[in-house]
Amino acid sequence: MLTTLNTTDIEIDRNAVCRYIGYTDGVEPSPRISSLLDEYIENAMHLIEPSYAYLFKGIDDANEDVAFLEDSIVFEGTVVGRLAQQSEKIAIFVLTIGDRLEEMAAKLANDGMIVESYVLDAIGSSAVENLAEFVQGVIGEVAYHYGHSISRRFSPGYCDWHISQQEMLFRAIDGNESSVMLSEGYLMTPQKSISGIIGIGKRDCGITKYNPCKTCERRNCVGRR
């Protein structure tokens, strides 16, 4: 079921926005950029329309490379297979902050206001990440109610989970009125959207500590945790 939120449920992290536009921690932007950040963060909320959908799927079988979920949902990849081996269910989610912010960022760019467009885009990136944390918290609360814990979230395109698996993910969540569309190239519209899965298992199963980075040999990966 599609759930919409008030913008008050989503916070914009100024420090995160600074990181998105290239500032390292502890480095304060110039007075001009700092003023621009404050103004745009304050005014961006009316451009954000957060919504999300999620559901739970039982696990029929899993091995090191494949997770077989109920309703003929098959996710291929070591990161997903190993997660499913430790889980009792898989939560599948799609979320977005809508397209108004990215449309405004594109308009600013077309008008030659490149810096302003870049800052607004970074605000959108921060907002959608905060929305993902919110949705993860919602799923965590449901799991906790039934005596379970959750893993961190994983999205197609990360680790060895190929981006083409977006198609299977969207097929799984179809009928839950997700407001996000998927292109033939597996890109989401609106762009400020996130899809993924979260493992759900008993509290003592160690699922909260599942981290594929510990066994991955890609030491220079930007997503390394």
C-alpha atoms as a PDB file:
ATOM      1  CA  MET A   1       0.000   0.000   0.000  1.00  0.00           C
ATOM      2  CA  LEU A   2       1.316   3.447  -0.911  1.00  0.00           C
ATOM      3  CA  THR A   3       1.902   5.660   2.112  1.00  0.00           C
ATOM      4  CA  THR A   4       2.394   9.400   1.847  1.00  0.00           C
ATOM      5  CA  LEU A   5       4.102  11.480   4.514  1.00  0.00           C
ATOM      6  CA  ASN A   6       4.105  15.038   5.702  1.00  0.00           C
ATOM      7  CA  THR A   7       7.344  16.850   4.938  1.00  0.00           C
ATOM      8  CA  THR A   8       7.738  17.344   8.687  1.00  0.00           C
ATOM      9  CA  ASP A   9       8.577  13.628   8.884  1.00  0.00           C
ATOM     10  CA  ILE A  10      11.668  14.200   6.711  1.00  0.00           C
ATOM     11  CA  GLU A  11      14.600  16.300   7.849  1.00  0.00           C
ATOM     12  CA  ILE A  12      17.284  17.863   5.685  1.00  0.00           C
ATOM     13  CA  ASP A  13      20.754  17.296   7.122  1.00  0.00           C
ATOM     14  CA  ARG A  14      22.806  20.404   6.310  1.00  0.00           C
ATOM     15  CA  ASN A  15      26.097  18.574   6.899  1.00  0.00           C
ATOM     16  CA  ALA A  16      25.032  15.796   4.541  1.00  0.00           C
ATOM     17  CA  VAL A  17      24.106  18.348   1.879  1.00  0.00           C
ATOM     18  CA  CYS A  18      27.564  19.894   2.246  1.00  0.00           C
ATOM     19  CA  ARG A  19      29.136  16.483   1.698  1.00  0.00           C
ATOM     20  CA  TYR A  20      27.022  15.933  -1.414  1.00  0.00           C
ATOM     21  CA  ILE A  21      28.300  19.164  -2.948  1.00  0.00           C
ATOM     22  CA  GLY A  22      31.904  18.281  -2.143  1.00  0.00           C
ATOM     23  CA  TYR A  23      32.762  19.745   1.264  1.00  0.00           C
ATOM     24  CA  THR A  24      34.594  17.517   3.702  1.00  0.00           C
ATOM     25  CA  ASP A  25      33.529  17.302   7.338  1.00  0.00           C
ATOM     26  CA  GLY A  26      34.597  20.311   9.361  1.00  0.00           C
ATOM     27  CA  VAL A  27      34.998  22.579   6.325  1.00  0.00           C
ATOM     28  CA  GLU A  28      32.474  25.414   6.300  1.00  0.00           C
ATOM     29  CA  PRO A  29      31.292  26.631   2.869  1.00  0.00           C
ATOM     30  CA  SER A  30      31.956  30.176   1.721  1.00  0.00           C
ATOM     31  CA  PRO A  31      29.511  32.809   3.002  1.00  0.00           C
ATOM     32  CA  ARG A  32      27.721  32.826  -0.370  1.00  0.00           C
ATOM     33  CA  ILE A  33      27.256  29.062  -0.484  1.00  0.00           C
ATOM     34  CA  SER A  34      26.391  28.945   3.202  1.00  0.00           C
ATOM     35  CA  SER A  35      23.657  31.534   2.719  1.00  0.00           C
ATOM     36  CA  LEU A  36      22.408  29.685  -0.345  1.00  0.00           C
ATOM     37  CA  LEU A  37      22.276  26.422   1.593  1.00  0.00           C
ATOM     38  CA  ASP A  38      20.254  27.928   4.420  1.00  0.00           C
ATOM     39  CA  GLU A  39      17.798  29.571   2.020  1.00  0.00           C
ATOM     40  CA  TYR A  40      17.290  26.525  -0.184  1.00  0.00           C
ATOM     41  CA  ILE A  41      17.018  24.054   2.697  1.00  0.00           C
ATOM     42  CA  GLU A  42      14.315  26.204   4.252  1.00  0.00           C
ATOM     43  CA  ASN A  43      12.373  26.570   0.998  1.00  0.00           C
ATOM     44  CA  ALA A  44      12.889  23.080  -0.444  1.00  0.00           C
ATOM     45  CA  MET A  45      10.327  21.405   1.791  1.00  0.00           C
ATOM     46  CA  HIS A  46       7.385  22.496  -0.368  1.00  0.00           C
ATOM     47  CA  LEU A  47       9.046  20.700  -3.302  1.00  0.00           C
ATOM     48  CA  ILE A  48       9.264  17.383  -1.464  1.00  0.00           C
ATOM     49  CA  GLU A  49       6.388  14.892  -1.656  1.00  0.00           C
ATOM     50  CA  PRO A  50       7.592  11.799   0.223  1.00  0.00           C
ATOM     51  CA  SER A  51       5.854   8.474  -0.284  1.00  0.00           C
ATOM     52  CA  TYR A  52       6.760   4.823   0.044  1.00  0.00           C
ATOM     53  CA  ALA A  53       5.457   1.289  -0.363  1.00  0.00           C
ATOM     54  CA  TYR A  54       6.724  -1.942   1.145  1.00  0.00           C
ATOM     55  CA  LEU A  55       5.722  -5.553   1.617  1.00  0.00           C
ATOM     56  CA  PHE A  56       7.066  -8.743   3.161  1.00  0.00           C
ATOM     57  CA  LYS A  57       7.869 -11.933   1.279  1.00  0.00           C
ATOM     58  CA  GLY A  58       8.538 -15.349   2.745  1.00  0.00           C
ATOM     59  CA  ILE A  59      11.654 -17.247   1.691  1.00  0.00           C
ATOM     60  CA  ASP A  60      11.105 -20.555  -0.082  1.00  0.00           C
ATOM     61  CA  ASP A  61      14.799 -21.392  -0.468  1.00  0.00           C
ATOM     62  CA  ALA A  62      18.206 -19.731  -0.633  1.00  0.00           C
ATOM     63  CA  ASN A  63      21.800 -20.594  -1.371  1.00  0.00           C
ATOM     64  CA  GLU A  64      25.030 -18.609  -1.678  1.00  0.00           C
ATOM     65  CA  ASP A  65      23.988 -17.043  -4.974  1.00  0.00           C
ATOM     66  CA  VAL A  66      20.193 -17.014  -5.219  1.00  0.00           C
ATOM     67  CA  ALA A  67      17.200 -16.197  -3.026  1.00  0.00           C
ATOM     68  CA  PHE A  68      13.875 -17.817  -3.947  1.00  0.00           C
ATOM     69  CA  LEU A  69      10.972 -15.907  -2.421  1.00  0.00           C
ATOM     70  CA  GLU A  70       7.278 -16.677  -2.414  1.00  0.00           C
ATOM     71  CA  ASP A  71       5.212 -15.779  -5.488  1.00  0.00           C
ATOM     72  CA  SER A  72       8.077 -16.823  -7.790  1.00  0.00           C
ATOM     73  CA  ILE A  73      10.297 -13.869  -6.889  1.00  0.00           C
ATOM     74  CA  VAL A  74      13.943 -14.750  -7.558  1.00  0.00           C
ATOM     75  CA  PHE A  75      16.835 -12.465  -6.602  1.00  0.00           C
ATOM     76  CA  GLU A  76      20.253 -13.437  -7.928  1.00  0.00           C
ATOM     77  CA  GLY A  77      23.508 -12.381  -6.276  1.00  0.00           C
ATOM     78  CA  THR A  78      25.736 -13.441  -3.426  1.00  0.00           C
ATOM     79  CA  VAL A  79      24.821 -10.463  -1.260  1.00  0.00           C
ATOM     80  CA  VAL A  80      21.115 -11.354  -1.517  1.00  0.00           C
ATOM     81  CA  GLY A  81      21.556 -15.121  -1.290  1.00  0.00           C
ATOM     82  CA  ARG A  82      23.584 -14.915   1.904  1.00  0.00           C
ATOM     83  CA  LEU A  83      21.149 -12.405   3.383  1.00  0.00           C
ATOM     84  CA  ALA A  84      18.204 -14.702   2.667  1.00  0.00           C
ATOM     85  CA  GLN A  85      20.021 -17.633   4.274  1.00  0.00           C
ATOM     86  CA  GLN A  86      20.031 -15.708   7.559  1.00  0.00           C
ATOM     87  CA  SER A  87      16.488 -14.355   7.232  1.00  0.00           C
ATOM     88  CA  GLU A  88      12.950 -15.605   7.714  1.00  0.00           C
ATOM     89  CA  LYS A  89      11.386 -12.944   5.518  1.00  0.00           C
ATOM     90  CA  ILE A  90      12.506 -10.235   3.121  1.00  0.00           C
ATOM     91  CA  ALA A  91      11.031  -6.734   3.146  1.00  0.00           C
ATOM     92  CA  ILE A  92      10.894  -5.142  -0.306  1.00  0.00           C
ATOM     93  CA  PHE A  93      10.468  -1.381  -0.556  1.00  0.00           C
ATOM     94  CA  VAL A  94      10.314   1.519  -3.001  1.00  0.00           C
ATOM     95  CA  LEU A  95      10.304   5.162  -1.933  1.00  0.00           C
ATOM     96  CA  THR A  96      10.538   8.618  -3.472  1.00  0.00           C
ATOM     97  CA  ILE A  97      10.412  12.317  -2.675  1.00  0.00           C
ATOM     98  CA  GLY A  98       8.518  12.975  -5.919  1.00  0.00           C
ATOM     99  CA  ASP A  99       9.586  14.853  -9.026  1.00  0.00           C
ATOM    100  CA  ARG A 100       8.913  18.510  -8.144  1.00  0.00           C
ATOM    101  CA  LEU A 101      12.363  19.117  -6.673  1.00  0.00           C
ATOM    102  CA  GLU A 102      14.251  17.587  -9.594  1.00  0.00           C
ATOM    103  CA  GLU A 103      12.085  19.525 -12.038  1.00  0.00           C
ATOM    104  CA  MET A 104      12.974  22.763 -10.259  1.00  0.00           C
ATOM    105  CA  ALA A 105      16.678  21.806 -10.243  1.00  0.00           C
ATOM    106  CA  ALA A 106      16.491  21.199 -13.999  1.00  0.00           C
ATOM    107  CA  LYS A 107      14.786  24.559 -14.518  1.00  0.00           C
ATOM    108  CA  LEU A 108      17.485  26.338 -12.543  1.00  0.00           C
ATOM    109  CA  ALA A 109      20.163  24.652 -14.656  1.00  0.00           C
ATOM    110  CA  ASN A 110      18.392  25.632 -17.879  1.00  0.00           C
ATOM    111  CA  ASP A 111      18.273  29.227 -16.632  1.00  0.00           C
ATOM    112  CA  GLY A 112      22.039  29.193 -16.091  1.00  0.00           C
ATOM    113  CA  MET A 113      21.822  28.981 -12.301  1.00  0.00           C
ATOM    114  CA  ILE A 114      24.174  26.016 -12.128  1.00  0.00           C
ATOM    115  CA  VAL A 115      25.303  26.422  -8.512  1.00  0.00           C
ATOM    116  CA  GLU A 116      21.735  26.840  -7.300  1.00  0.00           C
ATOM    117  CA  SER A 117      20.683  23.753  -9.280  1.00  0.00           C
ATOM    118  CA  TYR A 118      23.553  21.742  -7.818  1.00  0.00           C
ATOM    119  CA  VAL A 119      22.677  22.772  -4.276  1.00  0.00           C
ATOM    120  CA  LEU A 120      18.995  21.908  -4.749  1.00  0.00           C
ATOM    121  CA  ASP A 121      19.907  18.519  -6.214  1.00  0.00           C
ATOM    122  CA  ALA A 122      22.115  17.815  -3.182  1.00  0.00           C
ATOM    123  CA  ILE A 123      19.228  18.721  -0.889  1.00  0.00           C
ATOM    124  CA  GLY A 124      17.099  16.197  -2.759  1.00  0.00           C
ATOM    125  CA  SER A 125      19.757  13.514  -2.323  1.00  0.00           C
ATOM    126  CA  SER A 126      19.863  14.171   1.409  1.00  0.00           C
ATOM    127  CA  ALA A 127      16.070  14.131   1.650  1.00  0.00           C
ATOM    128  CA  VAL A 128      15.647  10.799  -0.140  1.00  0.00           C
ATOM    129  CA  GLU A 129      18.354   9.194   2.024  1.00  0.00           C
ATOM    130  CA  ASN A 130      16.600  10.447   5.148  1.00  0.00           C
ATOM    131  CA  LEU A 131      13.334   9.052   3.791  1.00  0.00           C
ATOM    132  CA  ALA A 132      15.053   5.679   3.313  1.00  0.00           C
ATOM    133  CA  GLU A 133      16.178   5.755   6.948  1.00  0.00           C
ATOM    134  CA  PHE A 134      12.610   6.587   7.990  1.00  0.00           C
ATOM    135  CA  VAL A 135      11.185   3.658   5.997  1.00  0.00           C
ATOM    136  CA  GLN A 136      13.850   1.336   7.388  1.00  0.00           C
ATOM    137  CA  GLY A 137      12.737   2.435  10.844  1.00  0.00           C
ATOM    138  CA  VAL A 138       9.095   1.673  10.014  1.00  0.00           C
ATOM    139  CA  ILE A 139      10.012  -1.818   8.830  1.00  0.00           C
ATOM    140  CA  GLY A 140      12.178  -2.275  11.924  1.00  0.00           C
ATOM    141  CA  GLU A 141       9.291  -1.384  14.209  1.00  0.00           C
ATOM    142  CA  VAL A 142       7.003  -3.926  12.525  1.00  0.00           C
ATOM    143  CA  ALA A 143       9.695  -6.605  12.801  1.00  0.00           C
ATOM    144  CA  TYR A 144      10.352  -5.766  16.459  1.00  0.00           C
ATOM    145  CA  HIS A 145       6.645  -6.144  17.228  1.00  0.00           C
ATOM    146  CA  TYR A 146       6.895  -9.776  16.122  1.00  0.00           C
ATOM    147  CA  GLY A 147      10.126 -10.437  17.994  1.00  0.00           C
ATOM    148  CA  HIS A 148      12.444  -9.993  15.015  1.00  0.00           C
ATOM    149  CA  SER A 149      15.360  -7.792  13.989  1.00  0.00           C
ATOM    150  CA  ILE A 150      16.298  -6.359  10.618  1.00  0.00           C
ATOM    151  CA  SER A 151      19.431  -6.076   8.520  1.00  0.00           C
ATOM    152  CA  ARG A 152      20.736  -2.969   6.869  1.00  0.00           C
ATOM    153  CA  ARG A 153      19.126  -2.207   3.526  1.00  0.00           C
ATOM    154  CA  PHE A 154      20.467  -3.290   0.133  1.00  0.00           C
ATOM    155  CA  SER A 155      19.627  -1.926  -3.313  1.00  0.00           C
ATOM    156  CA  PRO A 156      20.109  -3.322  -6.826  1.00  0.00           C
ATOM    157  CA  GLY A 157      23.356  -2.034  -8.302  1.00  0.00           C
ATOM    158  CA  TYR A 158      25.349  -2.461  -5.096  1.00  0.00           C
ATOM    159  CA  CYS A 159      27.816  -5.261  -4.409  1.00  0.00           C
ATOM    160  CA  ASP A 160      27.163  -8.069  -6.911  1.00  0.00           C
ATOM    161  CA  TRP A 161      23.411  -7.481  -7.028  1.00  0.00           C
ATOM    162  CA  HIS A 162      22.999  -6.432 -10.660  1.00  0.00           C
ATOM    163  CA  ILE A 163      20.940  -3.348 -11.481  1.00  0.00           C
ATOM    164  CA  SER A 164      18.768  -5.460 -13.798  1.00  0.00           C
ATOM    165  CA  GLN A 165      17.274  -7.045 -10.669  1.00  0.00           C
ATOM    166  CA  GLN A 166      15.245  -3.841 -10.346  1.00  0.00           C
ATOM    167  CA  GLU A 167      12.787  -5.451 -12.743  1.00  0.00           C
ATOM    168  CA  MET A 168      12.151  -8.370 -10.387  1.00  0.00           C
ATOM    169  CA  LEU A 169      11.929  -6.040  -7.385  1.00  0.00           C
ATOM    170  CA  PHE A 170       9.318  -3.859  -9.080  1.00  0.00           C
ATOM    171  CA  ARG A 171       7.401  -6.937 -10.174  1.00  0.00           C
ATOM    172  CA  ALA A 172       7.300  -8.048  -6.546  1.00  0.00           C
ATOM    173  CA  ILE A 173       5.920  -4.753  -5.297  1.00  0.00           C
ATOM    174  CA  ASP A 174       3.488  -4.228  -8.175  1.00  0.00           C
ATOM    175  CA  GLY A 175      -0.056  -3.788  -6.924  1.00  0.00           C
ATOM    176  CA  ASN A 176       1.116  -1.758  -3.941  1.00  0.00           C
ATOM    177  CA  GLU A 177       0.590   1.412  -5.951  1.00  0.00           C
ATOM    178  CA  SER A 178       4.182   2.553  -5.918  1.00  0.00           C
ATOM    179  CA  SER A 179       4.441   6.029  -7.415  1.00  0.00           C
ATOM    180  CA  VAL A 180       7.839   5.180  -8.941  1.00  0.00           C
ATOM    181  CA  MET A 181       8.224   3.990 -12.532  1.00  0.00           C
ATOM    182  CA  LEU A 182      11.026   1.854 -13.940  1.00  0.00           C
ATOM    183  CA  SER A 183      12.553   2.451 -17.375  1.00  0.00           C
ATOM    184  CA  GLU A 184      13.794  -0.212 -19.791  1.00  0.00           C
ATOM    185  CA  GLY A 185      17.306   0.638 -18.602  1.00  0.00           C
ATOM    186  CA  TYR A 186      16.275  -0.061 -14.974  1.00  0.00           C
ATOM    187  CA  LEU A 187      16.378   3.603 -13.955  1.00  0.00           C
ATOM    188  CA  MET A 188      13.726   4.963 -11.627  1.00  0.00           C
ATOM    189  CA  THR A 189      11.472   7.956 -12.233  1.00  0.00           C
ATOM    190  CA  PRO A 190      11.392  10.208 -10.242  1.00  0.00           C
ATOM    191  CA  GLN A 191      15.178  10.074  -9.996  1.00  0.00           C
ATOM    192  CA  LYS A 192      15.172  10.853  -6.285  1.00  0.00           C
ATOM    193  CA  SER A 193      13.902   7.395  -5.451  1.00  0.00           C
ATOM    194  CA  ILE A 194      15.372   4.365  -3.705  1.00  0.00           C
ATOM    195  CA  SER A 195      14.378   0.718  -3.940  1.00  0.00           C
ATOM    196  CA  GLY A 196      15.758  -2.243  -2.070  1.00  0.00           C
ATOM    197  CA  ILE A 197      15.350  -5.060   0.399  1.00  0.00           C
ATOM    198  CA  ILE A 198      15.850  -5.625   4.114  1.00  0.00           C
ATOM    199  CA  GLY A 199      16.322  -8.996   5.752  1.00  0.00           C
ATOM    200  CA  ILE A 200      14.126  -9.929   8.721  1.00  0.00           C
ATOM    201  CA  GLY A 201      15.124 -12.621  11.200  1.00  0.00           C
ATOM    202  CA  LYS A 202      14.951 -13.649  14.839  1.00  0.00           C
ATOM    203  CA  ARG A 203      16.687 -11.277  17.237  1.00  0.00           C
ATOM    204  CA  ASP A 204      19.440 -13.737  18.067  1.00  0.00           C
ATOM    205  CA  CYS A 205      20.256 -14.725  14.471  1.00  0.00           C
ATOM    206  CA  GLY A 206      22.909 -12.024  13.987  1.00  0.00           C
ATOM    207  CA  ILE A 207      21.198 -10.489  10.977  1.00  0.00           C
ATOM    208  CA  THR A 208      21.838  -6.970  12.245  1.00  0.00           C
ATOM    209  CA  LYS A 209      25.567  -7.586  11.787  1.00  0.00           C
ATOM    210  CA  TYR A 210      25.361  -8.947   8.251  1.00  0.00           C
ATOM    211  CA  ASN A 211      27.922  -7.001   6.231  1.00  0.00           C
ATOM    212  CA  PRO A 212      29.036  -8.299   2.809  1.00  0.00           C
ATOM    213  CA  CYS A 213      31.881  -5.780   2.798  1.00  0.00           C
ATOM    214  CA  LYS A 214      33.777  -8.031   5.219  1.00  0.00           C
ATOM    215  CA  THR A 215      34.160 -10.732   2.564  1.00  0.00           C
ATOM    216  CA  CYS A 216      34.326  -8.486  -0.517  1.00  0.00           C
ATOM    217  CA  GLU A 217      37.698  -7.938  -2.218  1.00  0.00           C
ATOM    218  CA  ARG A 218      36.785  -4.560  -3.759  1.00  0.00           C
ATOM    219  CA  ARG A 219      38.792  -2.471  -1.301  1.00  0.00           C
ATOM    220  CA  ASN A 220      38.309   0.808  -3.184  1.00  0.00           C
ATOM    221  CA  CYS A 221      34.514   0.583  -3.412  1.00  0.00           C
ATOM    222  CA  VAL A 222      32.841   3.936  -2.617  1.00  0.00           C
ATOM    223  CA  GLY A 223      29.974   2.088  -0.945  1.00  0.00           C
ATOM    224  CA  ARG A 224      32.227   0.156   1.410  1.00  0.00           C
ATOM    225  CA  ARG A 225      30.908   0.056   4.985  1.00  0.00           C
END
